[in-house]
Amino acid sequence: MNYLLQTIFKKEYELIPAKDVYDAIYQLKTNNQIELIIVDVDFQSKQSWELVQHIKTSRLFDIPVMVLATSKNEEIESNCYEYNVDEIFFKPFNPMDLLAAVKTSAANSVFANA
């Protein structure tokens, strides 16, 4: 997924990948240039949702969060609603749709936990 995201964003955005949830939190705390977060909730599922929850409920961050997921189901929809996720994309998704959503957010630096 990181390779796909790098390909989609390489011309217009700086993509900052995270190798796991702990690296994601570290990146968020040390890099104030991050303007949008993409979280693949299929990768380390429980921890990914904890990351989304931490970002959306913490007073430290006011950053849009987009979620990537394999399948549409009640749990994913419930979590997205509960944590006030800004966008959700179900795989396989059209890369141009994701790029358009990022452009709409007016972000310059994209952070991916995928």
Protein backbone atom coordinates (compact mmCIF):
# COMPACT_ATOMS: atom_id res chain seq x y z
CA MET A 1 0.00 0.00 0.00
CA ASN A 2 2.87 2.41 0.75
CA TYR A 3 4.20 1.89 -2.77
CA LEU A 4 0.80 2.72 -4.28
CA LEU A 5 0.50 5.83 -2.12
CA GLN A 6 4.03 6.93 -3.03
CA THR A 7 3.13 6.55 -6.70
CA ILE A 8 -0.11 8.51 -6.34
CA PHE A 9 1.36 11.41 -4.38
CA LYS A 10 5.01 11.66 -5.48
CA LYS A 11 4.54 14.54 -7.94
CA GLU A 12 2.46 16.85 -5.78
CA TYR A 13 2.87 15.89 -2.13
CA GLU A 14 5.45 14.86 0.38
CA LEU A 15 4.45 11.45 1.70
CA ILE A 16 5.79 10.52 5.11
CA PRO A 17 5.34 6.77 5.66
CA ALA A 18 5.18 5.15 9.09
CA LYS A 19 6.27 1.58 9.67
CA ASP A 20 3.83 1.02 12.53
CA VAL A 21 1.48 2.83 14.89
CA TYR A 22 4.26 3.82 17.30
CA ASP A 23 6.26 5.36 14.48
CA ALA A 24 3.09 7.18 13.37
CA ILE A 25 2.61 8.74 16.80
CA TYR A 26 6.28 9.73 16.93
CA GLN A 27 6.04 11.34 13.47
CA LEU A 28 2.94 13.27 14.49
CA LYS A 29 4.54 14.58 17.65
CA THR A 30 7.81 15.60 15.99
CA ASN A 31 6.68 16.86 12.58
CA ASN A 32 4.36 19.85 12.62
CA GLN A 33 4.24 19.94 8.80
CA ILE A 34 1.80 17.01 8.58
CA GLU A 35 -1.54 18.25 7.27
CA LEU A 36 -3.43 15.03 6.50
CA ILE A 37 -3.23 11.43 7.67
CA ILE A 38 -4.09 8.29 5.73
CA VAL A 39 -4.53 5.17 7.86
CA ASP A 40 -4.88 1.68 6.40
CA VAL A 41 -7.01 0.00 9.07
CA ASP A 42 -6.35 -3.43 7.58
CA PHE A 43 -2.70 -3.10 8.63
CA GLN A 44 -2.44 -3.71 12.38
CA SER A 45 -6.21 -3.33 12.61
CA LYS A 46 -6.70 -2.84 16.35
CA GLN A 47 -3.71 -0.54 16.68
CA SER A 48 -4.72 1.41 13.57
CA TRP A 49 -8.10 2.21 15.10
CA GLU A 50 -6.36 3.23 18.32
CA LEU A 51 -4.23 5.61 16.24
CA VAL A 52 -7.32 7.09 14.56
CA GLN A 53 -9.02 7.46 17.93
CA HIS A 54 -5.94 9.12 19.45
CA ILE A 55 -5.64 11.60 16.57
CA LYS A 56 -9.32 12.50 16.45
CA THR A 57 -9.88 12.78 20.22
CA SER A 58 -6.57 14.31 21.25
CA ARG A 59 -6.36 18.04 21.72
CA LEU A 60 -2.81 17.83 20.36
CA PHE A 61 -3.90 17.24 16.77
CA ASP A 62 -6.39 18.93 14.49
CA ILE A 63 -5.62 16.97 11.35
CA PRO A 64 -7.98 15.39 8.79
CA VAL A 65 -7.90 11.58 8.76
CA MET A 66 -8.67 9.39 5.76
CA VAL A 67 -9.15 5.67 6.25
CA LEU A 68 -8.40 2.87 3.79
CA ALA A 69 -10.23 -0.42 4.36
CA THR A 70 -10.71 -3.68 2.49
CA SER A 71 -14.37 -4.23 3.05
CA LYS A 72 -17.41 -2.23 4.00
CA ASN A 73 -18.88 -3.57 7.21
CA GLU A 74 -20.72 -2.38 10.27
CA GLU A 75 -17.64 -2.19 12.51
CA ILE A 76 -15.68 -0.04 10.07
CA GLU A 77 -18.60 2.28 9.43
CA SER A 78 -19.29 2.53 13.17
CA ASN A 79 -15.63 3.34 13.97
CA CYS A 80 -15.47 5.94 11.20
CA TYR A 81 -18.59 7.61 12.53
CA GLU A 82 -17.51 7.39 16.19
CA TYR A 83 -14.03 8.83 15.52
CA ASN A 84 -15.28 11.44 13.04
CA VAL A 85 -13.13 10.20 10.15
CA ASP A 86 -13.02 12.70 7.32
CA GLU A 87 -13.02 10.24 4.38
CA ILE A 88 -13.09 6.49 3.86
CA PHE A 89 -11.95 4.59 0.79
CA PHE A 90 -12.71 0.92 0.27
CA LYS A 91 -10.20 -1.19 -1.63
CA PRO A 92 -9.87 -1.43 -4.49
CA PHE A 93 -10.32 2.31 -4.92
CA ASN A 94 -9.59 4.61 -7.81
CA PRO A 95 -6.26 6.33 -7.05
CA MET A 96 -7.50 9.49 -8.76
CA ASP A 97 -10.43 9.65 -6.31
CA LEU A 98 -8.00 9.51 -3.39
CA LEU A 99 -5.80 12.16 -4.98
CA ALA A 100 -8.84 14.39 -5.55
CA ALA A 101 -9.89 14.01 -1.90
CA VAL A 102 -6.40 14.98 -0.75
CA LYS A 103 -6.42 18.00 -3.08
CA THR A 104 -9.79 19.04 -1.66
CA SER A 105 -8.27 18.99 1.84
CA ALA A 106 -5.62 21.48 0.66
CA ALA A 107 -2.84 19.48 2.31
CA ASN A 108 0.78 19.86 1.25
CA SER A 109 2.25 17.12 3.40
CA VAL A 110 0.56 13.71 3.67
CA PHE A 111 1.31 11.18 6.37
CA ALA A 112 0.52 7.53 5.74
CA ASN A 113 0.28 4.65 8.16
CA ALA A 114 -0.22 1.97 5.54
